Every structure is written in structure tokens, then in C-alpha cells.
Amino acid sequence: MVASRKTSPVGHHATYWLSPLLAVFSIIGLSGCEIIGDIFQAGVWVGVLLVLGVFALIVWIVSKTKN
């Protein structure tokens, strides 16, 4: 009696390409998240600068009207 070898229903060729494909998609996905994080971080700094600019403008206008 010969023992039968179980094969994957997917086949050898699909599993051969699955690992590199999964690695490429995870690298692309992680770099995408990093880019989004950088955009939001830049957005926070732009918001802080705008608030400081508006505050400085209000202080300047108030100081000009007092004189």
C-alpha cells in the first residue's frame, strides 16, 4: 500500500507567489500609513502656526487701536 501525499487545493505555484506578494503588499500598506501620518503631523504644525499668526495679528491690531 502506497501512502498518498496530500496536496494543497491551491497548488504549489500559488503558494510560491503568495509570500512575496504578501510581503510587497504589506510594505506598500505600511509606507502608506507612514505617509498619512506625516501629512497629519504637518497639518498639526500648520494649524499651530496659523493659531499663533492669528493671535499675533489680534495683539498687533489691539496695540494699534490703543495708541
PDB file of N, CA and C in Angstrom:
ATOM      1  N   MET A   1       0.841  -1.162   0.000  1.00  0.00           N
ATOM      2  CA  MET A   1       0.000   0.000   0.000  1.00  0.00           C
ATOM      3  C   MET A   1       0.901   1.246   0.000  1.00  0.00           C
ATOM      4  N   VAL A   2       0.649   2.122  -0.919  1.00  0.00           N
ATOM      5  CA  VAL A   2       1.435   3.335  -1.073  1.00  0.00           C
ATOM      6  C   VAL A   2       0.695   4.474  -0.376  1.00  0.00           C
ATOM      7  N   ALA A   3       1.424   5.195   0.451  1.00  0.00           N
ATOM      8  CA  ALA A   3       0.817   6.328   1.148  1.00  0.00           C
ATOM      9  C   ALA A   3       0.630   7.472   0.164  1.00  0.00           C
ATOM     10  N   SER A   4      -0.562   7.994   0.146  1.00  0.00           N
ATOM     11  CA  SER A   4      -0.819   9.108  -0.773  1.00  0.00           C
ATOM     12  C   SER A   4      -0.374  10.416  -0.126  1.00  0.00           C
ATOM     13  N   ARG A   5       0.191  11.228  -0.936  1.00  0.00           N
ATOM     14  CA  ARG A   5       0.681  12.520  -0.467  1.00  0.00           C
ATOM     15  C   ARG A   5      -0.436  13.541  -0.602  1.00  0.00           C
ATOM     16  N   LYS A   6      -0.727  14.241   0.505  1.00  0.00           N
ATOM     17  CA  LYS A   6      -1.791  15.245   0.442  1.00  0.00           C
ATOM     18  C   LYS A   6      -1.241  16.500  -0.221  1.00  0.00           C
ATOM     19  N   THR A   7      -1.995  17.023  -1.123  1.00  0.00           N
ATOM     20  CA  THR A   7      -1.597  18.267  -1.788  1.00  0.00           C
ATOM     21  C   THR A   7      -2.574  19.360  -1.414  1.00  0.00           C
ATOM     22  N   SER A   8      -2.091  20.529  -1.462  1.00  0.00           N
ATOM     23  CA  SER A   8      -2.913  21.686  -1.170  1.00  0.00           C
ATOM     24  C   SER A   8      -3.874  21.922  -2.319  1.00  0.00           C
ATOM     25  N   PRO A   9      -5.113  22.313  -2.034  1.00  0.00           N
ATOM     26  CA  PRO A   9      -6.040  22.607  -3.130  1.00  0.00           C
ATOM     27  C   PRO A   9      -5.598  23.821  -3.944  1.00  0.00           C
ATOM     28  N   VAL A  10      -4.767  24.653  -3.350  1.00  0.00           N
ATOM     29  CA  VAL A  10      -4.298  25.843  -4.047  1.00  0.00           C
ATOM     30  C   VAL A  10      -3.206  25.474  -5.039  1.00  0.00           C
ATOM     31  N   GLY A  11      -2.367  24.580  -4.676  1.00  0.00           N
ATOM     32  CA  GLY A  11      -1.284  24.174  -5.551  1.00  0.00           C
ATOM     33  C   GLY A  11       0.030  24.815  -5.156  1.00  0.00           C
ATOM     34  N   HIS A  12       1.098  24.257  -5.678  1.00  0.00           N
ATOM     35  CA  HIS A  12       2.435  24.738  -5.317  1.00  0.00           C
ATOM     36  C   HIS A  12       2.735  26.117  -5.885  1.00  0.00           C
ATOM     37  N   HIS A  13       2.286  26.380  -7.091  1.00  0.00           N
ATOM     38  CA  HIS A  13       2.616  27.662  -7.732  1.00  0.00           C
ATOM     39  C   HIS A  13       1.971  28.848  -7.006  1.00  0.00           C
ATOM     40  N   ALA A  14       0.772  28.669  -6.510  1.00  0.00           N
ATOM     41  CA  ALA A  14       0.106  29.765  -5.804  1.00  0.00           C
ATOM     42  C   ALA A  14       0.808  30.057  -4.486  1.00  0.00           C
ATOM     43  N   THR A  15       1.228  29.027  -3.767  1.00  0.00           N
ATOM     44  CA  THR A  15       1.908  29.268  -2.500  1.00  0.00           C
ATOM     45  C   THR A  15       3.306  29.821  -2.734  1.00  0.00           C
ATOM     46  N   TYR A  16       3.882  29.533  -3.888  1.00  0.00           N
ATOM     47  CA  TYR A  16       5.207  30.057  -4.235  1.00  0.00           C
ATOM     48  C   TYR A  16       5.146  31.576  -4.382  1.00  0.00           C
ATOM     49  N   TRP A  17       4.073  32.092  -4.950  1.00  0.00           N
ATOM     50  CA  TRP A  17       3.938  33.536  -5.168  1.00  0.00           C
ATOM     51  C   TRP A  17       3.255  34.256  -4.014  1.00  0.00           C
ATOM     52  N   LEU A  18       2.624  33.514  -3.116  1.00  0.00           N
ATOM     53  CA  LEU A  18       1.848  34.145  -2.053  1.00  0.00           C
ATOM     54  C   LEU A  18       2.727  34.907  -1.060  1.00  0.00           C
ATOM     55  N   SER A  19       3.827  34.338  -0.629  1.00  0.00           N
ATOM     56  CA  SER A  19       4.688  35.002   0.365  1.00  0.00           C
ATOM     57  C   SER A  19       5.305  36.296  -0.159  1.00  0.00           C
ATOM     58  N   PRO A  20       5.932  36.298  -1.337  1.00  0.00           N
ATOM     59  CA  PRO A  20       6.475  37.581  -1.821  1.00  0.00           C
ATOM     60  C   PRO A  20       5.389  38.613  -2.096  1.00  0.00           C
ATOM     61  N   LEU A  21       4.247  38.162  -2.584  1.00  0.00           N
ATOM     62  CA  LEU A  21       3.150  39.090  -2.869  1.00  0.00           C
ATOM     63  C   LEU A  21       2.627  39.701  -1.568  1.00  0.00           C
ATOM     64  N   LEU A  22       2.495  38.883  -0.556  1.00  0.00           N
ATOM     65  CA  LEU A  22       2.045  39.369   0.740  1.00  0.00           C
ATOM     66  C   LEU A  22       3.055  40.354   1.327  1.00  0.00           C
ATOM     67  N   ALA A  23       4.340  40.076   1.159  1.00  0.00           N
ATOM     68  CA  ALA A  23       5.378  40.977   1.658  1.00  0.00           C
ATOM     69  C   ALA A  23       5.330  42.327   0.939  1.00  0.00           C
ATOM     70  N   VAL A  24       5.145  42.312  -0.362  1.00  0.00           N
ATOM     71  CA  VAL A  24       5.085  43.562  -1.132  1.00  0.00           C
ATOM     72  C   VAL A  24       3.876  44.388  -0.715  1.00  0.00           C
ATOM     73  N   PHE A  25       2.715  43.739  -0.563  1.00  0.00           N
ATOM     74  CA  PHE A  25       1.518  44.472  -0.169  1.00  0.00           C
ATOM     75  C   PHE A  25       1.641  45.038   1.248  1.00  0.00           C
ATOM     76  N   SER A  26       2.280  44.313   2.142  1.00  0.00           N
ATOM     77  CA  SER A  26       2.441  44.838   3.496  1.00  0.00           C
ATOM     78  C   SER A  26       3.413  46.012   3.517  1.00  0.00           C
ATOM     79  N   ILE A  27       4.460  45.966   2.696  1.00  0.00           N
ATOM     80  CA  ILE A  27       5.407  47.089   2.619  1.00  0.00           C
ATOM     81  C   ILE A  27       4.710  48.328   2.062  1.00  0.00           C
ATOM     82  N   ILE A  28       3.920  48.135   1.019  1.00  0.00           N
ATOM     83  CA  ILE A  28       3.189  49.262   0.435  1.00  0.00           C
ATOM     84  C   ILE A  28       2.183  49.813   1.434  1.00  0.00           C
ATOM     85  N   GLY A  29       1.491  48.935   2.126  1.00  0.00           N
ATOM     86  CA  GLY A  29       0.497  49.374   3.099  1.00  0.00           C
ATOM     87  C   GLY A  29       1.111  50.124   4.254  1.00  0.00           C
ATOM     88  N   LEU A  30       2.229  49.645   4.765  1.00  0.00           N
ATOM     89  CA  LEU A  30       2.866  50.311   5.888  1.00  0.00           C
ATOM     90  C   LEU A  30       3.450  51.660   5.488  1.00  0.00           C
ATOM     91  N   SER A  31       4.000  51.750   4.289  1.00  0.00           N
ATOM     92  CA  SER A  31       4.525  53.047   3.863  1.00  0.00           C
ATOM     93  C   SER A  31       3.392  54.025   3.620  1.00  0.00           C
ATOM     94  N   GLY A  32       2.246  53.531   3.181  1.00  0.00           N
ATOM     95  CA  GLY A  32       1.077  54.392   3.007  1.00  0.00           C
ATOM     96  C   GLY A  32       0.625  54.978   4.330  1.00  0.00           C
ATOM     97  N   CYS A  33       0.636  54.163   5.373  1.00  0.00           N
ATOM     98  CA  CYS A  33       0.258  54.647   6.704  1.00  0.00           C
ATOM     99  C   CYS A  33       1.267  55.678   7.197  1.00  0.00           C
ATOM    100  N   GLU A  34       2.523  55.478   6.893  1.00  0.00           N
ATOM    101  CA  GLU A  34       3.550  56.422   7.311  1.00  0.00           C
ATOM    102  C   GLU A  34       3.349  57.762   6.611  1.00  0.00           C
ATOM    103  N   ILE A  35       3.001  57.719   5.341  1.00  0.00           N
ATOM    104  CA  ILE A  35       2.765  58.955   4.584  1.00  0.00           C
ATOM    105  C   ILE A  35       1.572  59.701   5.162  1.00  0.00           C
ATOM    106  N   ILE A  36       0.493  58.976   5.465  1.00  0.00           N
ATOM    107  CA  ILE A  36      -0.693  59.608   6.045  1.00  0.00           C
ATOM    108  C   ILE A  36      -0.349  60.227   7.401  1.00  0.00           C
ATOM    109  N   GLY A  37       0.449  59.534   8.194  1.00  0.00           N
ATOM    110  CA  GLY A  37       0.872  60.072   9.483  1.00  0.00           C
ATOM    111  C   GLY A  37       1.685  61.345   9.328  1.00  0.00           C
ATOM    112  N   ASP A  38       2.564  61.369   8.319  1.00  0.00           N
ATOM    113  CA  ASP A  38       3.364  62.576   8.070  1.00  0.00           C
ATOM    114  C   ASP A  38       2.484  63.739   7.638  1.00  0.00           C
ATOM    115  N   ILE A  39       1.476  63.460   6.828  1.00  0.00           N
ATOM    116  CA  ILE A  39       0.566  64.524   6.376  1.00  0.00           C
ATOM    117  C   ILE A  39      -0.183  65.106   7.561  1.00  0.00           C
ATOM    118  N   PHE A  40      -0.692  64.239   8.453  1.00  0.00           N
ATOM    119  CA  PHE A  40      -1.408  64.747   9.616  1.00  0.00           C
ATOM    120  C   PHE A  40      -0.481  65.497  10.561  1.00  0.00           C
ATOM    121  N   GLN A  41       0.757  65.034  10.692  1.00  0.00           N
ATOM    122  CA  GLN A  41       1.708  65.730  11.551  1.00  0.00           C
ATOM    123  C   GLN A  41       2.006  67.116  10.978  1.00  0.00           C
ATOM    124  N   ALA A  42       2.163  67.206   9.671  1.00  0.00           N
ATOM    125  CA  ALA A  42       2.380  68.511   9.040  1.00  0.00           C
ATOM    126  C   ALA A  42       1.150  69.392   9.217  1.00  0.00           C
ATOM    127  N   GLY A  43      -0.030  68.792   9.142  1.00  0.00           N
ATOM    128  CA  GLY A  43      -1.269  69.541   9.330  1.00  0.00           C
ATOM    129  C   GLY A  43      -1.375  70.129  10.723  1.00  0.00           C
ATOM    130  N   VAL A  44      -0.928  69.390  11.709  1.00  0.00           N
ATOM    131  CA  VAL A  44      -0.946  69.888  13.087  1.00  0.00           C
ATOM    132  C   VAL A  44      -0.037  71.109  13.206  1.00  0.00           C
ATOM    133  N   TRP A  45       1.148  71.026  12.629  1.00  0.00           N
ATOM    134  CA  TRP A  45       2.081  72.157  12.720  1.00  0.00           C
ATOM    135  C   TRP A  45       1.573  73.366  11.958  1.00  0.00           C
ATOM    136  N   VAL A  46       0.929  73.145  10.825  1.00  0.00           N
ATOM    137  CA  VAL A  46       0.349  74.273  10.080  1.00  0.00           C
ATOM    138  C   VAL A  46      -0.759  74.912  10.910  1.00  0.00           C
ATOM    139  N   GLY A  47      -1.561  74.089  11.575  1.00  0.00           N
ATOM    140  CA  GLY A  47      -2.616  74.623  12.436  1.00  0.00           C
ATOM    141  C   GLY A  47      -2.058  75.424  13.596  1.00  0.00           C
ATOM    142  N   VAL A  48      -0.997  74.935  14.206  1.00  0.00           N
ATOM    143  CA  VAL A  48      -0.364  75.665  15.316  1.00  0.00           C
ATOM    144  C   VAL A  48       0.175  77.003  14.820  1.00  0.00           C
ATOM    145  N   LEU A  49       0.831  77.004  13.669  1.00  0.00           N
ATOM    146  CA  LEU A  49       1.368  78.254  13.120  1.00  0.00           C
ATOM    147  C   LEU A  49       0.248  79.234  12.778  1.00  0.00           C
ATOM    148  N   LEU A  50      -0.860  78.737  12.245  1.00  0.00           N
ATOM    149  CA  LEU A  50      -1.988  79.624  11.930  1.00  0.00           C
ATOM    150  C   LEU A  50      -2.572  80.233  13.200  1.00  0.00           C
ATOM    151  N   VAL A  51      -2.731  79.447  14.239  1.00  0.00           N
ATOM    152  CA  VAL A  51      -3.264  79.973  15.504  1.00  0.00           C
ATOM    153  C   VAL A  51      -2.319  81.034  16.060  1.00  0.00           C
ATOM    154  N   LEU A  52      -1.024  80.767  16.049  1.00  0.00           N
ATOM    155  CA  LEU A  52      -0.059  81.761  16.533  1.00  0.00           C
ATOM    156  C   LEU A  52      -0.091  83.026  15.678  1.00  0.00           C
ATOM    157  N   GLY A  53      -0.233  82.867  14.370  1.00  0.00           N
ATOM    158  CA  GLY A  53      -0.307  84.026  13.484  1.00  0.00           C
ATOM    159  C   GLY A  53      -1.539  84.872  13.731  1.00  0.00           C
ATOM    160  N   VAL A  54      -2.680  84.217  13.926  1.00  0.00           N
ATOM    161  CA  VAL A  54      -3.919  84.952  14.212  1.00  0.00           C
ATOM    162  C   VAL A  54      -3.812  85.647  15.563  1.00  0.00           C
ATOM    163  N   PHE A  55      -3.247  84.973  16.548  1.00  0.00           N
ATOM    164  CA  PHE A  55      -3.059  85.582  17.867  1.00  0.00           C
ATOM    165  C   PHE A  55      -2.152  86.809  17.768  1.00  0.00           C
ATOM    166  N   ALA A  56      -1.061  86.691  17.025  1.00  0.00           N
ATOM    167  CA  ALA A  56      -0.152  87.823  16.852  1.00  0.00           C
ATOM    168  C   ALA A  56      -0.848  88.966  16.122  1.00  0.00           C
ATOM    169  N   LEU A  57      -1.672  88.659  15.140  1.00  0.00           N
ATOM    170  CA  LEU A  57      -2.417  89.685  14.402  1.00  0.00           C
ATOM    171  C   LEU A  57      -3.397  90.407  15.321  1.00  0.00           C
ATOM    172  N   ILE A  58      -4.086  89.675  16.172  1.00  0.00           N
ATOM    173  CA  ILE A  58      -5.030  90.291  17.120  1.00  0.00           C
ATOM    174  C   ILE A  58      -4.285  91.189  18.107  1.00  0.00           C
ATOM    175  N   VAL A  59      -3.159  90.715  18.614  1.00  0.00           N
ATOM    176  CA  VAL A  59      -2.361  91.535  19.542  1.00  0.00           C
ATOM    177  C   VAL A  59      -1.874  92.796  18.845  1.00  0.00           C
ATOM    178  N   TRP A  60      -1.453  92.693  17.598  1.00  0.00           N
ATOM    179  CA  TRP A  60      -0.971  93.858  16.836  1.00  0.00           C
ATOM    180  C   TRP A  60      -2.093  94.866  16.604  1.00  0.00           C
ATOM    181  N   ILE A  61      -3.289  94.357  16.231  1.00  0.00           N
ATOM    182  CA  ILE A  61      -4.431  95.263  15.998  1.00  0.00           C
ATOM    183  C   ILE A  61      -4.844  95.954  17.283  1.00  0.00           C
ATOM    184  N   VAL A  62      -4.878  95.227  18.390  1.00  0.00           N
ATOM    185  CA  VAL A  62      -5.249  95.819  19.678  1.00  0.00           C
ATOM    186  C   VAL A  62      -4.232  96.870  20.094  1.00  0.00           C
ATOM    187  N   SER A  63      -2.953  96.589  19.869  1.00  0.00           N
ATOM    188  CA  SER A  63      -1.932  97.570  20.248  1.00  0.00           C
ATOM    189  C   SER A  63      -1.995  98.812  19.380  1.00  0.00           C
ATOM    190  N   LYS A  64      -2.383  98.696  18.112  1.00  0.00           N
ATOM    191  CA  LYS A  64      -2.505  99.858  17.236  1.00  0.00           C
ATOM    192  C   LYS A  64      -3.715 100.699  17.594  1.00  0.00           C
ATOM    193  N   THR A  65      -4.800 100.082  18.055  1.00  0.00           N
ATOM    194  CA  THR A  65      -6.012 100.851  18.401  1.00  0.00           C
ATOM    195  C   THR A  65      -5.857 101.549  19.754  1.00  0.00           C
ATOM    196  N   LYS A  66      -5.000 101.071  20.619  1.00  0.00           N
ATOM    197  CA  LYS A  66      -4.770 101.707  21.931  1.00  0.00           C
ATOM    198  C   LYS A  66      -3.992 102.995  21.794  1.00  0.00           C
ATOM    199  N   ASN A  67      -3.156 103.131  20.775  1.00  0.00           N
ATOM    200  CA  ASN A  67      -2.313 104.325  20.628  1.00  0.00           C
ATOM    201  C   ASN A  67      -3.085 105.446  20.094  1.00  0.00           C
TER     202      ASN A  67
END
